[in-house]
Amino acid sequence: MIKTDSGYEATATWKTSTGLGVVVTAALATEKTIDLDGANYKVSCCEKSIIAKVEGMGTLGYSLEVFKTPITHKKGIVMVGKIGDLGLTAENLAAVKSIIAEIEATPEWAAKIEKEARAAKVETEYRKNEAALRRIMNR
């Protein structure tokens, strides 16, 4: 994993069964620039992304999907997941999960998960109190 100006990036590479090079990049953006009618502002964020590119074909997908049951391709290749139109073997899926785990191990991602958990707890408590108030008011 490497640290970039706007976050972190990790890559996995391999060759397809036909010999084409594949590069899958998982990134965590911790800062982005937004355009407000011509005025550019940098804001902090915590956004994870995944991009799969195949040599000669360009970008094939942006999100990881893991199959519930493996699928056998007509060429005999067993696919256990995909990123867009790129099928993944078990070995490729392990490499992709590895780079995603690297991204999720960053302190920024851990802080985001903690913040979301706190917000969910507050939301649950709010809904609980709201339901109690509705019961009282409807008597």
N, C-alpha and C. Protein backbone atom coordinates (compact mmCIF):
# COMPACT_ATOMS: atom_id res chain seq x y z
N MET A 1 0.86 -1.17 0.00
CA MET A 1 0.00 0.00 0.00
C MET A 1 0.90 1.23 0.00
N ILE A 2 0.45 2.22 -0.75
CA ILE A 2 1.20 3.48 -0.79
C ILE A 2 0.28 4.63 -0.35
N LYS A 3 0.89 5.63 0.26
CA LYS A 3 0.14 6.83 0.66
C LYS A 3 0.26 7.82 -0.48
N THR A 4 -0.89 8.35 -0.90
CA THR A 4 -0.92 9.35 -1.96
C THR A 4 -1.27 10.71 -1.36
N ASP A 5 -1.32 11.72 -2.19
CA ASP A 5 -1.66 13.06 -1.72
C ASP A 5 -3.09 13.11 -1.17
N SER A 6 -3.96 12.28 -1.73
CA SER A 6 -5.37 12.35 -1.31
C SER A 6 -5.84 11.10 -0.57
N GLY A 7 -4.93 10.24 -0.12
CA GLY A 7 -5.34 9.05 0.62
C GLY A 7 -4.35 7.91 0.50
N TYR A 8 -4.89 6.71 0.28
CA TYR A 8 -4.08 5.49 0.20
C TYR A 8 -4.48 4.72 -1.05
N GLU A 9 -3.55 3.88 -1.53
CA GLU A 9 -3.80 3.08 -2.71
C GLU A 9 -3.04 1.76 -2.61
N ALA A 10 -3.70 0.67 -2.97
CA ALA A 10 -3.07 -0.65 -3.00
C ALA A 10 -3.48 -1.32 -4.31
N THR A 11 -2.54 -2.07 -4.92
CA THR A 11 -2.84 -2.72 -6.20
C THR A 11 -2.50 -4.20 -6.16
N ALA A 12 -3.22 -4.94 -6.98
CA ALA A 12 -2.95 -6.35 -7.21
C ALA A 12 -2.90 -6.55 -8.72
N THR A 13 -1.95 -7.36 -9.19
CA THR A 13 -1.83 -7.60 -10.63
C THR A 13 -1.72 -9.10 -10.90
N TRP A 14 -2.22 -9.51 -12.05
CA TRP A 14 -2.09 -10.89 -12.52
C TRP A 14 -2.38 -10.92 -14.01
N LYS A 15 -2.25 -12.09 -14.60
CA LYS A 15 -2.53 -12.30 -16.02
C LYS A 15 -3.81 -13.11 -16.16
N THR A 16 -4.60 -12.80 -17.20
CA THR A 16 -5.80 -13.58 -17.47
C THR A 16 -5.40 -14.88 -18.13
N SER A 17 -6.38 -15.76 -18.36
CA SER A 17 -6.09 -17.03 -19.02
C SER A 17 -5.63 -16.83 -20.45
N THR A 18 -5.94 -15.67 -21.03
CA THR A 18 -5.51 -15.37 -22.40
C THR A 18 -4.23 -14.54 -22.43
N GLY A 19 -3.64 -14.27 -21.26
CA GLY A 19 -2.37 -13.57 -21.18
C GLY A 19 -2.44 -12.06 -21.05
N LEU A 20 -3.63 -11.52 -20.89
CA LEU A 20 -3.76 -10.07 -20.73
C LEU A 20 -3.46 -9.68 -19.28
N GLY A 21 -2.82 -8.54 -19.10
CA GLY A 21 -2.50 -8.07 -17.76
C GLY A 21 -3.70 -7.42 -17.08
N VAL A 22 -3.89 -7.72 -15.80
CA VAL A 22 -4.99 -7.16 -15.02
C VAL A 22 -4.39 -6.37 -13.86
N VAL A 23 -4.92 -5.18 -13.62
CA VAL A 23 -4.52 -4.36 -12.48
C VAL A 23 -5.79 -3.97 -11.73
N VAL A 24 -5.87 -4.41 -10.48
CA VAL A 24 -6.99 -4.03 -9.62
C VAL A 24 -6.44 -3.08 -8.56
N THR A 25 -7.06 -1.92 -8.45
CA THR A 25 -6.61 -0.90 -7.52
C THR A 25 -7.71 -0.62 -6.51
N ALA A 26 -7.36 -0.74 -5.23
CA ALA A 26 -8.26 -0.34 -4.15
C ALA A 26 -7.70 0.96 -3.59
N ALA A 27 -8.57 1.95 -3.43
CA ALA A 27 -8.11 3.25 -2.97
C ALA A 27 -9.01 3.77 -1.86
N LEU A 28 -8.42 4.55 -0.98
CA LEU A 28 -9.17 5.22 0.07
C LEU A 28 -8.87 6.71 -0.07
N ALA A 29 -9.88 7.47 -0.46
CA ALA A 29 -9.72 8.92 -0.61
C ALA A 29 -10.02 9.57 0.73
N THR A 30 -9.06 10.34 1.24
CA THR A 30 -9.25 11.05 2.50
C THR A 30 -9.46 12.55 2.28
N GLU A 31 -9.37 12.94 1.01
CA GLU A 31 -9.55 14.35 0.66
C GLU A 31 -10.00 14.43 -0.79
N LYS A 32 -10.94 15.29 -1.07
CA LYS A 32 -11.37 15.48 -2.45
C LYS A 32 -11.65 16.95 -2.70
N THR A 33 -11.61 17.34 -3.96
CA THR A 33 -11.86 18.71 -4.36
C THR A 33 -13.26 18.79 -4.96
N ILE A 34 -14.04 19.74 -4.46
CA ILE A 34 -15.37 19.95 -5.01
C ILE A 34 -15.43 21.31 -5.68
N ASP A 35 -16.20 21.37 -6.74
CA ASP A 35 -16.34 22.61 -7.51
C ASP A 35 -17.65 23.28 -7.12
N LEU A 36 -17.56 24.48 -6.57
CA LEU A 36 -18.73 25.26 -6.20
C LEU A 36 -18.80 26.48 -7.12
N ASP A 37 -19.39 26.28 -8.28
CA ASP A 37 -19.53 27.34 -9.28
C ASP A 37 -18.21 28.03 -9.60
N GLY A 38 -17.20 27.24 -9.86
CA GLY A 38 -15.91 27.78 -10.25
C GLY A 38 -14.91 27.91 -9.12
N ALA A 39 -15.38 27.89 -7.88
CA ALA A 39 -14.47 27.95 -6.74
C ALA A 39 -14.21 26.52 -6.27
N ASN A 40 -12.96 26.10 -6.27
CA ASN A 40 -12.60 24.75 -5.86
C ASN A 40 -12.23 24.72 -4.38
N TYR A 41 -12.83 23.78 -3.66
CA TYR A 41 -12.56 23.63 -2.23
C TYR A 41 -12.15 22.19 -1.94
N LYS A 42 -11.15 22.04 -1.11
CA LYS A 42 -10.75 20.72 -0.67
C LYS A 42 -11.50 20.40 0.62
N VAL A 43 -12.11 19.22 0.63
CA VAL A 43 -12.85 18.78 1.81
C VAL A 43 -12.34 17.40 2.21
N SER A 44 -12.41 17.10 3.49
CA SER A 44 -11.99 15.78 3.94
C SER A 44 -13.14 14.80 3.74
N CYS A 45 -12.78 13.56 3.48
CA CYS A 45 -13.76 12.50 3.26
C CYS A 45 -13.09 11.17 3.60
N CYS A 46 -13.83 10.11 3.49
CA CYS A 46 -13.28 8.77 3.68
C CYS A 46 -14.07 7.84 2.76
N GLU A 47 -13.65 7.77 1.50
CA GLU A 47 -14.36 7.01 0.49
C GLU A 47 -13.48 5.92 -0.10
N LYS A 48 -13.98 4.70 -0.02
CA LYS A 48 -13.24 3.54 -0.55
C LYS A 48 -13.73 3.25 -1.96
N SER A 49 -12.80 2.91 -2.85
CA SER A 49 -13.18 2.54 -4.22
C SER A 49 -12.30 1.39 -4.70
N ILE A 50 -12.80 0.68 -5.70
CA ILE A 50 -12.04 -0.41 -6.31
C ILE A 50 -12.24 -0.31 -7.82
N ILE A 51 -11.15 -0.44 -8.56
CA ILE A 51 -11.20 -0.31 -10.02
C ILE A 51 -10.40 -1.47 -10.63
N ALA A 52 -11.01 -2.14 -11.61
CA ALA A 52 -10.34 -3.23 -12.32
C ALA A 52 -10.08 -2.80 -13.76
N LYS A 53 -8.81 -2.88 -14.18
CA LYS A 53 -8.44 -2.54 -15.55
C LYS A 53 -7.74 -3.73 -16.19
N VAL A 54 -8.09 -3.99 -17.44
CA VAL A 54 -7.48 -5.08 -18.19
C VAL A 54 -6.76 -4.48 -19.38
N GLU A 55 -5.55 -4.96 -19.60
CA GLU A 55 -4.70 -4.49 -20.70
C GLU A 55 -5.44 -4.61 -22.03
N GLY A 56 -5.53 -3.50 -22.75
CA GLY A 56 -6.19 -3.50 -24.05
C GLY A 56 -7.69 -3.34 -24.00
N MET A 57 -8.28 -3.43 -22.81
CA MET A 57 -9.73 -3.32 -22.69
C MET A 57 -10.16 -2.13 -21.84
N GLY A 58 -9.25 -1.58 -21.08
CA GLY A 58 -9.59 -0.45 -20.22
C GLY A 58 -10.24 -0.90 -18.91
N THR A 59 -11.04 -0.03 -18.35
CA THR A 59 -11.69 -0.31 -17.07
C THR A 59 -12.89 -1.23 -17.28
N LEU A 60 -12.95 -2.31 -16.51
CA LEU A 60 -14.05 -3.27 -16.64
C LEU A 60 -15.01 -3.24 -15.46
N GLY A 61 -14.63 -2.63 -14.35
CA GLY A 61 -15.55 -2.63 -13.23
C GLY A 61 -15.09 -1.80 -12.07
N TYR A 62 -16.07 -1.50 -11.20
CA TYR A 62 -15.82 -0.63 -10.06
C TYR A 62 -16.25 -1.22 -8.72
N SER A 63 -16.86 -2.38 -8.70
CA SER A 63 -17.29 -2.94 -7.42
C SER A 63 -17.12 -4.45 -7.40
N LEU A 64 -16.83 -4.97 -6.23
CA LEU A 64 -16.57 -6.39 -6.04
C LEU A 64 -17.86 -7.11 -5.71
N GLU A 65 -18.10 -8.22 -6.39
CA GLU A 65 -19.24 -9.09 -6.10
C GLU A 65 -18.70 -10.51 -5.89
N VAL A 66 -19.03 -11.11 -4.76
CA VAL A 66 -18.62 -12.49 -4.48
C VAL A 66 -19.85 -13.38 -4.67
N PHE A 67 -19.70 -14.44 -5.47
CA PHE A 67 -20.81 -15.33 -5.75
C PHE A 67 -21.08 -16.25 -4.56
N LYS A 68 -22.36 -16.60 -4.36
CA LYS A 68 -22.72 -17.54 -3.30
C LYS A 68 -22.24 -18.94 -3.64
N THR A 69 -22.32 -19.29 -4.92
CA THR A 69 -21.80 -20.57 -5.39
C THR A 69 -20.89 -20.31 -6.59
N PRO A 70 -19.79 -21.02 -6.69
CA PRO A 70 -18.86 -20.81 -7.82
C PRO A 70 -19.53 -21.10 -9.16
N ILE A 71 -19.07 -20.40 -10.18
CA ILE A 71 -19.59 -20.56 -11.54
C ILE A 71 -18.45 -21.09 -12.41
N THR A 72 -18.75 -22.13 -13.20
CA THR A 72 -17.73 -22.68 -14.10
C THR A 72 -17.92 -22.07 -15.48
N HIS A 73 -16.88 -21.43 -15.97
CA HIS A 73 -16.89 -20.81 -17.29
C HIS A 73 -16.80 -21.90 -18.35
N LYS A 74 -17.21 -21.59 -19.57
CA LYS A 74 -17.18 -22.59 -20.65
C LYS A 74 -15.78 -23.11 -20.94
N LYS A 75 -14.73 -22.34 -20.55
CA LYS A 75 -13.36 -22.79 -20.74
C LYS A 75 -12.86 -23.63 -19.57
N GLY A 76 -13.74 -23.90 -18.60
CA GLY A 76 -13.37 -24.72 -17.45
C GLY A 76 -12.82 -23.94 -16.27
N ILE A 77 -12.79 -22.62 -16.37
CA ILE A 77 -12.29 -21.79 -15.28
C ILE A 77 -13.41 -21.59 -14.27
N VAL A 78 -13.11 -21.80 -13.01
CA VAL A 78 -14.10 -21.63 -11.95
C VAL A 78 -13.99 -20.21 -11.39
N MET A 79 -15.09 -19.46 -11.51
CA MET A 79 -15.12 -18.09 -11.01
C MET A 79 -15.88 -18.05 -9.69
N VAL A 80 -15.32 -17.35 -8.72
CA VAL A 80 -15.96 -17.23 -7.41
C VAL A 80 -16.45 -15.81 -7.14
N GLY A 81 -16.16 -14.89 -8.06
CA GLY A 81 -16.60 -13.51 -7.91
C GLY A 81 -16.29 -12.73 -9.16
N LYS A 82 -16.62 -11.43 -9.12
CA LYS A 82 -16.32 -10.59 -10.26
C LYS A 82 -16.22 -9.14 -9.84
N ILE A 83 -15.52 -8.37 -10.64
CA ILE A 83 -15.47 -6.91 -10.53
C ILE A 83 -15.96 -6.41 -11.88
N GLY A 84 -17.18 -5.94 -11.93
CA GLY A 84 -17.76 -5.54 -13.21
C GLY A 84 -17.85 -6.74 -14.13
N ASP A 85 -17.18 -6.68 -15.28
CA ASP A 85 -17.17 -7.78 -16.24
C ASP A 85 -15.97 -8.70 -16.09
N LEU A 86 -15.12 -8.47 -15.11
CA LEU A 86 -13.92 -9.27 -14.89
C LEU A 86 -14.21 -10.40 -13.90
N GLY A 87 -14.18 -11.64 -14.38
CA GLY A 87 -14.39 -12.79 -13.50
C GLY A 87 -13.15 -13.05 -12.66
N LEU A 88 -13.37 -13.49 -11.42
CA LEU A 88 -12.27 -13.75 -10.49
C LEU A 88 -12.21 -15.21 -10.08
N THR A 89 -11.01 -15.77 -10.15
CA THR A 89 -10.80 -17.11 -9.62
C THR A 89 -10.58 -16.97 -8.11
N ALA A 90 -10.50 -18.08 -7.41
CA ALA A 90 -10.29 -18.03 -5.96
C ALA A 90 -8.98 -17.31 -5.62
N GLU A 91 -7.94 -17.57 -6.40
CA GLU A 91 -6.64 -16.93 -6.18
C GLU A 91 -6.72 -15.42 -6.39
N ASN A 92 -7.40 -15.00 -7.47
CA ASN A 92 -7.57 -13.58 -7.75
C ASN A 92 -8.41 -12.89 -6.68
N LEU A 93 -9.47 -13.56 -6.24
CA LEU A 93 -10.33 -13.00 -5.20
C LEU A 93 -9.56 -12.81 -3.91
N ALA A 94 -8.69 -13.74 -3.58
CA ALA A 94 -7.86 -13.61 -2.37
C ALA A 94 -6.95 -12.39 -2.48
N ALA A 95 -6.39 -12.15 -3.67
CA ALA A 95 -5.52 -10.99 -3.87
C ALA A 95 -6.31 -9.69 -3.73
N VAL A 96 -7.53 -9.66 -4.28
CA VAL A 96 -8.37 -8.47 -4.18
C VAL A 96 -8.78 -8.22 -2.73
N LYS A 97 -9.18 -9.28 -2.04
CA LYS A 97 -9.57 -9.12 -0.63
C LYS A 97 -8.37 -8.65 0.21
N SER A 98 -7.18 -9.07 -0.16
CA SER A 98 -5.98 -8.66 0.54
C SER A 98 -5.74 -7.15 0.42
N ILE A 99 -5.89 -6.61 -0.79
CA ILE A 99 -5.66 -5.17 -0.95
C ILE A 99 -6.79 -4.36 -0.30
N ILE A 100 -8.00 -4.90 -0.30
CA ILE A 100 -9.10 -4.21 0.39
C ILE A 100 -8.84 -4.21 1.89
N ALA A 101 -8.33 -5.31 2.42
CA ALA A 101 -8.01 -5.38 3.85
C ALA A 101 -6.92 -4.37 4.22
N GLU A 102 -5.95 -4.17 3.33
CA GLU A 102 -4.91 -3.16 3.57
C GLU A 102 -5.53 -1.77 3.69
N ILE A 103 -6.45 -1.46 2.80
CA ILE A 103 -7.12 -0.16 2.81
C ILE A 103 -7.95 0.00 4.09
N GLU A 104 -8.65 -1.06 4.47
CA GLU A 104 -9.51 -1.00 5.66
C GLU A 104 -8.72 -1.01 6.96
N ALA A 105 -7.42 -1.26 6.90
CA ALA A 105 -6.58 -1.26 8.10
C ALA A 105 -6.03 0.13 8.42
N THR A 106 -6.32 1.11 7.59
CA THR A 106 -5.81 2.46 7.82
C THR A 106 -6.55 3.12 8.99
N PRO A 107 -5.89 4.03 9.70
CA PRO A 107 -6.54 4.70 10.82
C PRO A 107 -7.76 5.53 10.41
N GLU A 108 -7.74 6.09 9.22
CA GLU A 108 -8.87 6.89 8.74
C GLU A 108 -10.12 6.03 8.57
N TRP A 109 -9.94 4.82 8.02
CA TRP A 109 -11.08 3.92 7.82
C TRP A 109 -11.62 3.45 9.17
N ALA A 110 -10.72 3.14 10.10
CA ALA A 110 -11.15 2.71 11.44
C ALA A 110 -11.93 3.82 12.13
N ALA A 111 -11.49 5.07 11.97
CA ALA A 111 -12.21 6.20 12.56
C ALA A 111 -13.60 6.35 11.93
N LYS A 112 -13.70 6.12 10.63
CA LYS A 112 -14.99 6.21 9.96
C LYS A 112 -15.95 5.15 10.48
N ILE A 113 -15.48 3.93 10.61
CA ILE A 113 -16.32 2.83 11.10
C ILE A 113 -16.78 3.12 12.52
N GLU A 114 -15.88 3.62 13.36
CA GLU A 114 -16.24 3.97 14.74
C GLU A 114 -17.29 5.08 14.76
N LYS A 115 -17.12 6.08 13.93
CA LYS A 115 -18.07 7.19 13.85
C LYS A 115 -19.44 6.70 13.40
N GLU A 116 -19.47 5.81 12.41
CA GLU A 116 -20.74 5.26 11.93
C GLU A 116 -21.42 4.42 13.01
N ALA A 117 -20.63 3.68 13.79
CA ALA A 117 -21.20 2.87 14.87
C ALA A 117 -21.82 3.77 15.94
N ARG A 118 -21.12 4.85 16.28
CA ARG A 118 -21.68 5.80 17.26
C ARG A 118 -22.97 6.42 16.74
N ALA A 119 -22.99 6.79 15.47
CA ALA A 119 -24.18 7.39 14.88
C ALA A 119 -25.35 6.41 14.86
N ALA A 120 -25.07 5.14 14.58
CA ALA A 120 -26.12 4.12 14.58
C ALA A 120 -26.69 3.93 15.98
N LYS A 121 -25.82 3.98 16.97
CA LYS A 121 -26.27 3.85 18.36
C LYS A 121 -27.18 5.02 18.75
N VAL A 122 -26.79 6.22 18.37
CA VAL A 122 -27.60 7.41 18.66
C VAL A 122 -28.95 7.31 17.94
N GLU A 123 -28.92 6.87 16.69
CA GLU A 123 -30.15 6.72 15.90
C GLU A 123 -31.09 5.70 16.54
N THR A 124 -30.55 4.57 16.99
CA THR A 124 -31.35 3.55 17.65
C THR A 124 -32.00 4.09 18.92
N GLU A 125 -31.24 4.80 19.71
CA GLU A 125 -31.76 5.39 20.94
C GLU A 125 -32.84 6.42 20.63
N TYR A 126 -32.63 7.23 19.62
CA TYR A 126 -33.61 8.22 19.22
C TYR A 126 -34.92 7.54 18.80
N ARG A 127 -34.83 6.52 17.96
CA ARG A 127 -36.03 5.80 17.48
C ARG A 127 -36.76 5.13 18.65
N LYS A 128 -36.01 4.61 19.60
CA LYS A 128 -36.61 3.98 20.78
C LYS A 128 -37.39 5.01 21.59
N ASN A 129 -36.79 6.18 21.82
CA ASN A 129 -37.47 7.24 22.57
C ASN A 129 -38.66 7.79 21.79
N GLU A 130 -38.53 7.89 20.48
CA GLU A 130 -39.63 8.37 19.65
C GLU A 130 -40.82 7.42 19.73
N ALA A 131 -40.55 6.12 19.68
CA ALA A 131 -41.62 5.12 19.77
C ALA A 131 -42.31 5.20 21.13
N ALA A 132 -41.52 5.39 22.19
CA ALA A 132 -42.11 5.50 23.53
C ALA A 132 -42.99 6.74 23.62
N LEU A 133 -42.56 7.84 23.05
CA LEU A 133 -43.33 9.08 23.07
C LEU A 133 -44.63 8.92 22.28
N ARG A 134 -44.57 8.23 21.14
CA ARG A 134 -45.78 7.99 20.35
C ARG A 134 -46.79 7.14 21.12
N ARG A 135 -46.28 6.15 21.85
CA ARG A 135 -47.19 5.31 22.65
C ARG A 135 -47.87 6.16 23.72
N ILE A 136 -47.12 7.04 24.36
CA ILE A 136 -47.66 7.89 25.41
C ILE A 136 -48.70 8.87 24.83
N MET A 137 -48.39 9.47 23.68
CA MET A 137 -49.26 10.47 23.09
C MET A 137 -50.55 9.85 22.51
N ASN A 138 -50.52 8.60 22.13
CA ASN A 138 -51.68 7.96 21.53
C ASN A 138 -52.62 7.32 22.54
N ARG A 139 -52.34 7.47 23.82
CA ARG A 139 -53.22 6.86 24.83
C ARG A 139 -54.50 7.59 24.95
